[in-house]
C-alpha atoms as a PDB file:
ATOM      1  CA  MET A   1      -0.085  -0.015   0.051  1.00  0.00           C
ATOM      2  CA  LEU A   2       2.739   2.259   0.993  1.00  0.00           C
ATOM      3  CA  TYR A   3       4.643   1.736  -2.376  1.00  0.00           C
ATOM      4  CA  THR A   4       1.555   2.283  -4.338  1.00  0.00           C
ATOM      5  CA  LEU A   5       1.409   5.744  -2.877  1.00  0.00           C
ATOM      6  CA  GLY A   6       4.679   6.282  -4.420  1.00  0.00           C
ATOM      7  CA  ILE A   7       3.074   6.359  -7.952  1.00  0.00           C
ATOM      8  CA  VAL A   8       0.444   8.821  -6.568  1.00  0.00           C
ATOM      9  CA  ALA A   9       3.226  11.063  -5.409  1.00  0.00           C
ATOM     10  CA  SER A  10       5.136  10.714  -8.691  1.00  0.00           C
ATOM     11  CA  ILE A  11       2.184  11.501 -10.864  1.00  0.00           C
ATOM     12  CA  LEU A  12       1.107  14.488  -8.656  1.00  0.00           C
ATOM     13  CA  ALA A  13       4.919  15.749  -8.696  1.00  0.00           C
ATOM     14  CA  GLY A  14       4.627  15.194 -12.539  1.00  0.00           C
ATOM     15  CA  MET A  15       1.359  17.113 -12.924  1.00  0.00           C
ATOM     16  CA  THR A  16       3.033  20.014 -10.697  1.00  0.00           C
ATOM     17  CA  VAL A  17       5.624  20.329 -13.425  1.00  0.00           C
ATOM     18  CA  ILE A  18       3.223  20.411 -16.126  1.00  0.00           C
ATOM     19  CA  LEU A  19       0.961  22.820 -14.333  1.00  0.00           C
ATOM     20  CA  GLY A  20       4.247  25.065 -14.027  1.00  0.00           C
ATOM     21  CA  GLY A  21       4.361  24.878 -17.697  1.00  0.00           C
ATOM     22  CA  ILE A  22       0.934  25.993 -18.036  1.00  0.00           C
ATOM     23  CA  VAL A  23       1.439  28.741 -15.649  1.00  0.00           C
ATOM     24  CA  GLU A  24       4.211  30.053 -17.919  1.00  0.00           C
ATOM     25  CA  GLY A  25       2.139  29.271 -21.038  1.00  0.00           C
ATOM     26  CA  TYR A  26      -0.797  31.480 -20.110  1.00  0.00           C
ATOM     27  CA  GLY A  27       0.855  34.348 -18.171  1.00  0.00           C
ATOM     28  CA  TYR A  28      -0.104  33.333 -14.609  1.00  0.00           C
ATOM     29  CA  GLY A  29       3.446  33.359 -13.002  1.00  0.00           C
ATOM     30  CA  LEU A  30       2.716  35.999 -10.517  1.00  0.00           C
ATOM     31  CA  SER A  31      -1.044  35.817 -10.345  1.00  0.00           C
ATOM     32  CA  LEU A  32      -0.912  34.983  -6.699  1.00  0.00           C
ATOM     33  CA  GLY A  33       1.926  37.358  -6.004  1.00  0.00           C
ATOM     34  CA  THR A  34       5.142  36.235  -4.381  1.00  0.00           C
ATOM     35  CA  LYS A  35       3.827  34.601  -1.161  1.00  0.00           C
ATOM     36  CA  TRP A  36       4.043  30.862  -1.279  1.00  0.00           C
ATOM     37  CA  PRO A  37       2.762  28.328  -1.055  1.00  0.00           C
ATOM     38  CA  TYR A  38      -0.580  29.688   0.446  1.00  0.00           C
ATOM     39  CA  THR A  39      -2.724  32.470  -0.195  1.00  0.00           C
ATOM     40  CA  ARG A  40      -6.117  33.406   1.068  1.00  0.00           C
ATOM     41  CA  ASP A  41      -8.998  31.393  -0.586  1.00  0.00           C
ATOM     42  CA  ILE A  42      -6.605  29.485  -2.762  1.00  0.00           C
ATOM     43  CA  HIS A  43      -9.100  26.733  -3.153  1.00  0.00           C
ATOM     44  CA  GLN A  44     -11.574  29.112  -4.690  1.00  0.00           C
ATOM     45  CA  VAL A  45      -8.929  30.698  -7.062  1.00  0.00           C
ATOM     46  CA  ALA A  46      -8.108  27.098  -8.184  1.00  0.00           C
ATOM     47  CA  MET A  47     -11.820  26.479  -8.814  1.00  0.00           C
ATOM     48  CA  LYS A  48     -11.927  29.641 -11.110  1.00  0.00           C
ATOM     49  CA  GLY A  49      -9.277  27.999 -13.333  1.00  0.00           C
ATOM     50  CA  ASP A  50      -5.969  29.577 -12.106  1.00  0.00           C
ATOM     51  CA  PRO A  51      -3.326  27.079 -12.767  1.00  0.00           C
ATOM     52  CA  GLU A  52      -0.800  28.804 -10.395  1.00  0.00           C
ATOM     53  CA  ALA A  53      -3.280  27.904  -7.607  1.00  0.00           C
ATOM     54  CA  LEU A  54      -3.603  24.361  -8.759  1.00  0.00           C
ATOM     55  CA  HIS A  55       0.278  24.396  -9.010  1.00  0.00           C
ATOM     56  CA  ARG A  56       0.571  25.213  -5.375  1.00  0.00           C
ATOM     57  CA  ILE A  57      -1.998  23.022  -4.099  1.00  0.00           C
ATOM     58  CA  SER A  58      -0.558  20.041  -5.857  1.00  0.00           C
ATOM     59  CA  ALA A  59       2.831  20.823  -4.820  1.00  0.00           C
ATOM     60  CA  THR A  60       1.560  21.023  -1.207  1.00  0.00           C
ATOM     61  CA  ILE A  61      -0.029  17.620  -1.390  1.00  0.00           C
ATOM     62  CA  VAL A  62       3.127  16.075  -2.684  1.00  0.00           C
ATOM     63  CA  GLY A  63       4.947  17.638   0.488  1.00  0.00           C
ATOM     64  CA  LEU A  64       2.335  16.016   2.747  1.00  0.00           C
ATOM     65  CA  ILE A  65       2.859  12.593   1.069  1.00  0.00           C
ATOM     66  CA  SER A  66       6.640  12.965   1.243  1.00  0.00           C
ATOM     67  CA  LEU A  67       6.284  13.796   4.927  1.00  0.00           C
ATOM     68  CA  ALA A  68       4.159  10.623   5.475  1.00  0.00           C
ATOM     69  CA  PHE A  69       6.779   8.420   3.572  1.00  0.00           C
ATOM     70  CA  LEU A  70       9.481   9.718   5.863  1.00  0.00           C
ATOM     71  CA  ILE A  71       7.583   9.098   9.038  1.00  0.00           C
ATOM     72  CA  MET A  72       6.168   5.691   8.005  1.00  0.00           C
ATOM     73  CA  SER A  73       9.108   4.255   6.071  1.00  0.00           C
ATOM     74  CA  PRO A  74      12.411   6.229   6.916  1.00  0.00           C
ATOM     75  CA  SER A  75      15.241   5.033   4.412  1.00  0.00           C
ATOM     76  CA  PHE A  76      17.720   6.560   2.237  1.00  0.00           C
ATOM     77  CA  ILE A  77      15.500   7.028  -0.810  1.00  0.00           C
ATOM     78  CA  THR A  78      12.587   8.545   1.359  1.00  0.00           C
ATOM     79  CA  ILE A  79      14.959  10.997   2.799  1.00  0.00           C
ATOM     80  CA  ILE A  80      16.098  12.097  -0.667  1.00  0.00           C
ATOM     81  CA  GLY A  81      12.371  12.351  -1.597  1.00  0.00           C
ATOM     82  CA  PHE A  82      11.656  14.585   1.348  1.00  0.00           C
ATOM     83  CA  VAL A  83      14.799  16.773   1.011  1.00  0.00           C
ATOM     84  CA  ALA A  84      13.969  17.194  -2.770  1.00  0.00           C
ATOM     85  CA  VAL A  85      10.447  18.244  -1.937  1.00  0.00           C
ATOM     86  CA  VAL A  86      11.814  20.941   0.559  1.00  0.00           C
ATOM     87  CA  PHE A  87      14.265  22.177  -1.871  1.00  0.00           C
ATOM     88  CA  THR A  88      11.506  22.319  -4.503  1.00  0.00           C
ATOM     89  CA  ALA A  89       9.460  24.344  -2.158  1.00  0.00           C
ATOM     90  CA  LEU A  90      12.261  26.744  -1.278  1.00  0.00           C
ATOM     91  CA  LEU A  91      13.410  27.307  -4.646  1.00  0.00           C
ATOM     92  CA  GLY A  92       9.765  27.530  -5.754  1.00  0.00           C
ATOM     93  CA  MET A  93       9.413  30.715  -3.631  1.00  0.00           C
ATOM     94  CA  ALA A  94      12.879  31.955  -4.900  1.00  0.00           C
ATOM     95  CA  THR A  95      11.458  31.449  -8.617  1.00  0.00           C
ATOM     96  CA  LEU A  96       8.591  34.063  -7.679  1.00  0.00           C
ATOM     97  CA  TYR A  97      11.254  36.470  -6.997  1.00  0.00           C
ATOM     98  CA  VAL A  98      13.160  35.515 -10.203  1.00  0.00           C
ATOM     99  CA  LEU A  99       9.901  36.518 -11.983  1.00  0.00           C
ATOM    100  CA  ALA A 100       9.710  39.798  -9.893  1.00  0.00           C
ATOM    101  CA  GLY A 101      13.174  40.431 -10.936  1.00  0.00           C
ATOM    102  CA  LYS A 102      14.675  40.223  -7.494  1.00  0.00           C
ATOM    103  CA  LEU A 103      16.784  37.107  -7.882  1.00  0.00           C
ATOM    104  CA  PRO A 104      19.031  35.677 -10.598  1.00  0.00           C
ATOM    105  CA  SER A 105      17.634  33.133 -13.084  1.00  0.00           C
ATOM    106  CA  ILE A 106      19.863  30.474 -11.786  1.00  0.00           C
ATOM    107  CA  PHE A 107      17.340  29.579  -9.011  1.00  0.00           C
ATOM    108  CA  GLN A 108      14.691  28.944 -11.526  1.00  0.00           C
ATOM    109  CA  GLY A 109      16.995  26.324 -13.063  1.00  0.00           C
ATOM    110  CA  LEU A 110      17.669  24.853  -9.575  1.00  0.00           C
ATOM    111  CA  HIS A 111      13.810  24.697  -8.944  1.00  0.00           C
ATOM    112  CA  ASP A 112      13.334  22.614 -12.095  1.00  0.00           C
ATOM    113  CA  ILE A 113      15.960  20.293 -11.116  1.00  0.00           C
ATOM    114  CA  ALA A 114      14.477  19.692  -7.593  1.00  0.00           C
ATOM    115  CA  ALA A 115      11.119  19.219  -9.157  1.00  0.00           C
ATOM    116  CA  TYR A 116      12.186  16.434 -11.494  1.00  0.00           C
ATOM    117  CA  THR A 117      14.254  14.815  -8.767  1.00  0.00           C
ATOM    118  CA  THR A 118      10.904  14.669  -6.628  1.00  0.00           C
ATOM    119  CA  PHE A 119       9.165  13.115  -9.568  1.00  0.00           C
ATOM    120  CA  VAL A 120      11.963  10.618 -10.157  1.00  0.00           C
ATOM    121  CA  THR A 121      12.341   9.495  -6.432  1.00  0.00           C
ATOM    122  CA  TYR A 122       8.732   8.615  -6.012  1.00  0.00           C
ATOM    123  CA  LEU A 123       8.628   6.722  -9.196  1.00  0.00           C
ATOM    124  CA  LEU A 124      11.704   4.685  -8.204  1.00  0.00           C
ATOM    125  CA  ILE A 125      10.023   4.032  -4.847  1.00  0.00           C
ATOM    126  CA  PHE A 126       6.921   2.644  -6.671  1.00  0.00           C
ATOM    127  CA  LEU A 127       9.084   0.462  -8.917  1.00  0.00           C
ATOM    128  CA  GLU A 128      10.864  -0.848  -5.822  1.00  0.00           C
ATOM    129  CA  GLY A 129       7.651  -1.865  -4.463  1.00  0.00           C
ATOM    130  CA  LEU A 130       6.942  -3.918  -7.756  1.00  0.00           C
ATOM    131  CA  GLY A 131      10.099  -5.765  -7.012  1.00  0.00           C
ATOM    132  CA  TYR A 132      12.789  -3.834  -9.217  1.00  0.00           C
ATOM    133  CA  HIS A 133      16.200  -3.147  -7.869  1.00  0.00           C
ATOM    134  CA  VAL A 134      16.360   0.612  -8.011  1.00  0.00           C
ATOM    135  CA  ASN A 135      19.001   3.041  -7.173  1.00  0.00           C
ATOM    136  CA  VAL A 136      18.433   6.859  -7.229  1.00  0.00           C
ATOM    137  CA  ILE A 137      22.034   7.537  -7.321  1.00  0.00           C
ATOM    138  CA  GLN A 138      22.380   5.249 -10.430  1.00  0.00           C
ATOM    139  CA  PHE A 139      19.568   7.362 -12.205  1.00  0.00           C
ATOM    140  CA  LEU A 140      21.430  10.562 -11.124  1.00  0.00           C
ATOM    141  CA  GLU A 141      24.615   9.224 -12.770  1.00  0.00           C
ATOM    142  CA  GLN A 142      22.665   8.529 -15.944  1.00  0.00           C
ATOM    143  CA  ALA A 143      21.186  12.082 -15.765  1.00  0.00           C
ATOM    144  CA  ILE A 144      24.212  14.036 -14.976  1.00  0.00           C
ATOM    145  CA  ILE A 145      27.555  12.464 -15.939  1.00  0.00           C
ATOM    146  CA  PRO A 146      28.649  13.427 -19.728  1.00  0.00           C
ATOM    147  CA  PRO A 147      27.705  12.816 -22.210  1.00  0.00           C
ATOM    148  CA  HIS A 148      24.075  12.323 -20.845  1.00  0.00           C
ATOM    149  CA  PHE A 149      23.548  15.974 -19.596  1.00  0.00           C
ATOM    150  CA  LEU A 150      19.842  15.524 -18.983  1.00  0.00           C
ATOM    151  CA  TYR A 151      19.877  17.639 -15.699  1.00  0.00           C
ATOM    152  CA  PHE A 152      21.803  20.370 -17.450  1.00  0.00           C
ATOM    153  CA  VAL A 153      19.359  20.577 -20.247  1.00  0.00           C
ATOM    154  CA  ILE A 154      16.555  20.889 -17.575  1.00  0.00           C
ATOM    155  CA  PHE A 155      18.649  23.479 -15.502  1.00  0.00           C
ATOM    156  CA  MET A 156      19.270  25.692 -18.735  1.00  0.00           C
ATOM    157  CA  GLY A 157      15.576  25.434 -19.670  1.00  0.00           C
ATOM    158  CA  GLY A 158      14.777  26.905 -16.263  1.00  0.00           C
ATOM    159  CA  VAL A 159      17.569  29.568 -16.731  1.00  0.00           C
ATOM    160  CA  VAL A 160      16.045  30.596 -20.022  1.00  0.00           C
ATOM    161  CA  THR A 161      12.507  30.928 -18.304  1.00  0.00           C
ATOM    162  CA  GLY A 162      14.040  32.947 -15.491  1.00  0.00           C
ATOM    163  CA  LEU A 163      15.895  35.324 -17.916  1.00  0.00           C
ATOM    164  CA  ARG A 164      12.798  36.169 -19.847  1.00  0.00           C
ATOM    165  CA  ARG A 165      10.746  36.381 -16.854  1.00  0.00           C
ATOM    166  CA  MET A 166       7.705  34.695 -18.588  1.00  0.00           C
ATOM    167  CA  SER A 167       7.207  37.860 -20.647  1.00  0.00           C
ATOM    168  CA  ARG A 168      10.180  38.544 -22.928  1.00  0.00           C
ATOM    169  CA  PRO A 169      10.879  36.985 -26.398  1.00  0.00           C
ATOM    170  CA  ILE A 170      13.999  34.989 -27.094  1.00  0.00           C
ATOM    171  CA  GLY A 171      14.398  36.602 -30.598  1.00  0.00           C
ATOM    172  CA  GLN A 172      15.924  34.865 -33.665  1.00  0.00           C
ATOM    173  CA  VAL A 173      19.017  32.941 -32.529  1.00  0.00           C
ATOM    174  CA  ARG A 174      21.458  32.828 -35.355  1.00  0.00           C
ATOM    175  CA  LYS A 175      24.339  34.618 -33.623  1.00  0.00           C
ATOM    176  CA  PRO A 176      23.451  34.610 -29.799  1.00  0.00           C
ATOM    177  CA  GLN A 177      23.276  37.839 -28.507  1.00  0.00           C
ATOM    178  CA  GLY A 178      22.408  38.790 -24.763  1.00  0.00           C
ATOM    179  CA  LYS A 179      21.930  36.313 -21.838  1.00  0.00           C
ATOM    180  CA  ILE A 180      18.538  34.886 -22.919  1.00  0.00           C
ATOM    181  CA  GLN A 181      19.823  33.891 -26.492  1.00  0.00           C
ATOM    182  CA  TRP A 182      22.911  32.438 -25.015  1.00  0.00           C
ATOM    183  CA  ALA A 183      21.156  30.454 -22.490  1.00  0.00           C
ATOM    184  CA  TRP A 184      18.730  29.249 -25.098  1.00  0.00           C
ATOM    185  CA  ALA A 185      21.734  28.317 -27.336  1.00  0.00           C
ATOM    186  CA  ILE A 186      23.469  26.240 -24.656  1.00  0.00           C
ATOM    187  CA  HIS A 187      20.183  24.764 -23.693  1.00  0.00           C
ATOM    188  CA  GLY A 188      19.710  23.561 -27.435  1.00  0.00           C
ATOM    189  CA  LEU A 189      23.253  22.402 -27.744  1.00  0.00           C
ATOM    190  CA  LEU A 190      23.034  20.269 -24.681  1.00  0.00           C
ATOM    191  CA  ALA A 191      19.770  18.785 -25.813  1.00  0.00           C
ATOM    192  CA  VAL A 192      21.506  17.776 -28.987  1.00  0.00           C
ATOM    193  CA  ILE A 193      24.490  16.211 -27.157  1.00  0.00           C
ATOM    194  CA  PHE A 194      21.951  14.282 -25.127  1.00  0.00           C
ATOM    195  CA  LEU A 195      20.223  13.216 -28.107  1.00  0.00           C
ATOM    196  CA  PHE A 196      23.405  11.643 -29.529  1.00  0.00           C
ATOM    197  CA  ALA A 197      24.203  10.038 -26.248  1.00  0.00           C
ATOM    198  CA  VAL A 198      21.000   7.999 -26.119  1.00  0.00           C
ATOM    199  CA  ILE A 199      21.507   6.822 -29.644  1.00  0.00           C
ATOM    200  CA  TYR A 200      25.058   5.714 -28.752  1.00  0.00           C
ATOM    201  CA  LEU A 201      23.531   3.815 -25.742  1.00  0.00           C
ATOM    202  CA  HIS A 202      20.742   2.397 -27.887  1.00  0.00           C
ATOM    203  CA  TYR A 203      18.056   3.760 -25.601  1.00  0.00           C
ATOM    204  CA  TRP A 204      15.358   3.645 -28.199  1.00  0.00           C
ATOM    205  CA  LEU A 205      12.502   4.547 -26.006  1.00  0.00           C
ATOM    206  CA  THR A 206      14.423   7.483 -24.628  1.00  0.00           C
ATOM    207  CA  LEU A 207      15.384   8.280 -28.055  1.00  0.00           C
ATOM    208  CA  ALA A 208      11.691   8.506 -29.213  1.00  0.00           C
ATOM    209  CA  PHE A 209      10.758  10.890 -26.296  1.00  0.00           C
ATOM    210  CA  THR A 210      13.788  12.960 -26.703  1.00  0.00           C
ATOM    211  CA  VAL A 211      12.930  13.601 -30.424  1.00  0.00           C
ATOM    212  CA  LEU A 212       9.378  14.762 -29.366  1.00  0.00           C
ATOM    213  CA  GLU A 213      10.804  16.672 -26.556  1.00  0.00           C
ATOM    214  CA  ILE A 214      13.152  18.516 -28.943  1.00  0.00           C
ATOM    215  CA  GLY A 215      10.204  18.993 -31.323  1.00  0.00           C
ATOM    216  CA  ALA A 216       8.158  20.544 -28.476  1.00  0.00           C
ATOM    217  CA  GLY A 217      11.184  22.691 -27.541  1.00  0.00           C
ATOM    218  CA  LEU A 218      11.214  24.183 -31.121  1.00  0.00           C
ATOM    219  CA  TRP A 219       7.513  24.799 -30.851  1.00  0.00           C
ATOM    220  CA  VAL A 220       8.002  26.581 -27.521  1.00  0.00           C
ATOM    221  CA  TYR A 221      10.683  28.801 -29.220  1.00  0.00           C
ATOM    222  CA  ARG A 222       8.238  29.770 -32.117  1.00  0.00           C
ATOM    223  CA  SER A 223       5.482  30.435 -29.655  1.00  0.00           C
ATOM    224  CA  ILE A 224       7.465  32.540 -27.305  1.00  0.00           C
ATOM    225  CA  ASN A 225       8.784  34.672 -29.967  1.00  0.00           C
ATOM    226  CA  LYS A 226       5.236  34.919 -31.356  1.00  0.00           C
ATOM    227  CA  ASN A 227       3.514  35.826 -28.095  1.00  0.00           C
ATOM    228  CA  PRO A 228       6.223  36.090 -25.215  1.00  0.00           C
ATOM    229  CA  GLU A 229       3.641  36.743 -22.463  1.00  0.00           C
ATOM    230  CA  LYS A 230       1.273  33.757 -23.365  1.00  0.00           C
ATOM    231  CA  PRO A 231       2.839  31.228 -25.717  1.00  0.00           C
ATOM    232  CA  GLY A 232       0.212  28.756 -24.873  1.00  0.00           C
ATOM    233  CA  MET A 233       0.127  24.928 -24.477  1.00  0.00           C
ATOM    234  CA  SER A 234       3.603  24.499 -26.118  1.00  0.00           C
ATOM    235  CA  ILE A 235       5.288  24.828 -22.791  1.00  0.00           C
ATOM    236  CA  GLY A 236       3.031  22.396 -21.008  1.00  0.00           C
ATOM    237  CA  PHE A 237       3.699  19.775 -23.737  1.00  0.00           C
ATOM    238  CA  HIS A 238       7.634  20.360 -23.587  1.00  0.00           C
ATOM    239  CA  GLN A 239       7.311  19.473 -19.870  1.00  0.00           C
ATOM    240  CA  LEU A 240       5.363  16.503 -20.557  1.00  0.00           C
ATOM    241  CA  PHE A 241       7.762  15.149 -23.048  1.00  0.00           C
ATOM    242  CA  SER A 242      10.693  16.001 -20.721  1.00  0.00           C
ATOM    243  CA  LEU A 243       9.109  13.966 -17.977  1.00  0.00           C
ATOM    244  CA  LEU A 244       8.198  10.897 -20.397  1.00  0.00           C
ATOM    245  CA  THR A 245      12.104  11.237 -21.417  1.00  0.00           C
ATOM    246  CA  VAL A 246      12.831  10.785 -17.607  1.00  0.00           C
ATOM    247  CA  VAL A 247      10.568   7.841 -17.400  1.00  0.00           C
ATOM    248  CA  ALA A 248      12.220   6.252 -20.497  1.00  0.00           C
ATOM    249  CA  ILE A 249      15.680   6.540 -19.049  1.00  0.00           C
ATOM    250  CA  ILE A 250      14.577   4.889 -15.970  1.00  0.00           C
ATOM    251  CA  LEU A 251      12.965   1.977 -17.854  1.00  0.00           C
ATOM    252  CA  ASN A 252      15.915   1.606 -20.169  1.00  0.00           C
ATOM    253  CA  SER A 253      18.324   1.589 -17.210  1.00  0.00           C
ATOM    254  CA  LEU A 254      16.228  -0.931 -15.567  1.00  0.00           C
ATOM    255  CA  ALA A 255      16.095  -2.993 -18.679  1.00  0.00           C
ATOM    256  CA  ILE A 256      12.365  -3.288 -18.157  1.00  0.00           C
ATOM    257  CA  VAL A 257      12.226  -1.959 -21.999  1.00  0.00           C
ATOM    258  CA  ALA A 258      14.933  -3.366 -24.362  1.00  0.00           C
END
């Protein structure tokens, strides 16, 4: 039963990431101000369709589940999950100040890494309950050690968002000029390196989702330049394919999928 709760936490963490993309896509970044996670009548705001309110509620539920895991089943992996949730929350608060122009964009990149680590950790807890030998450190090695670069791709994507404060265009990046374009160019270069890495490793499921993720990234690029304040669903889909790429890495590394 406890391990089944892992997939609930993982799905909610993933939904929180996607909701973050929807928040950016439709210009709700600072709709609730810089106070986090609570605001007055947040449930009523959520019922009116504010994705930022839904984002905060979902994140809070993940936090409560994480605390329950830590109390009922203290272990190395549940400690990692709880620490990831705490850092996600703290960096989530920092991200609001990034959008307000009071903190540098690096905090948004770190927030994205913490959020993805939360998603991964509870997915691994669920898989462990199914009898698979899982190791969160092994996953992090797959995501960080060159030439994989997945976490660096995620980090730079957050930096781009932070630099443009969910309102500025990227512009036509032929010869990068300015911080936003250089961040986007590095983000794209790391994504291409990651693409070749999964081809080399014969991670075909990961490759399929990586191609979709890159395609969604190009869609995001065009949408942001067309309407920088409200680029639409492209960002939500980009986050979705990023999450699926992470899942594929886990499945490939566990040899669940050949």
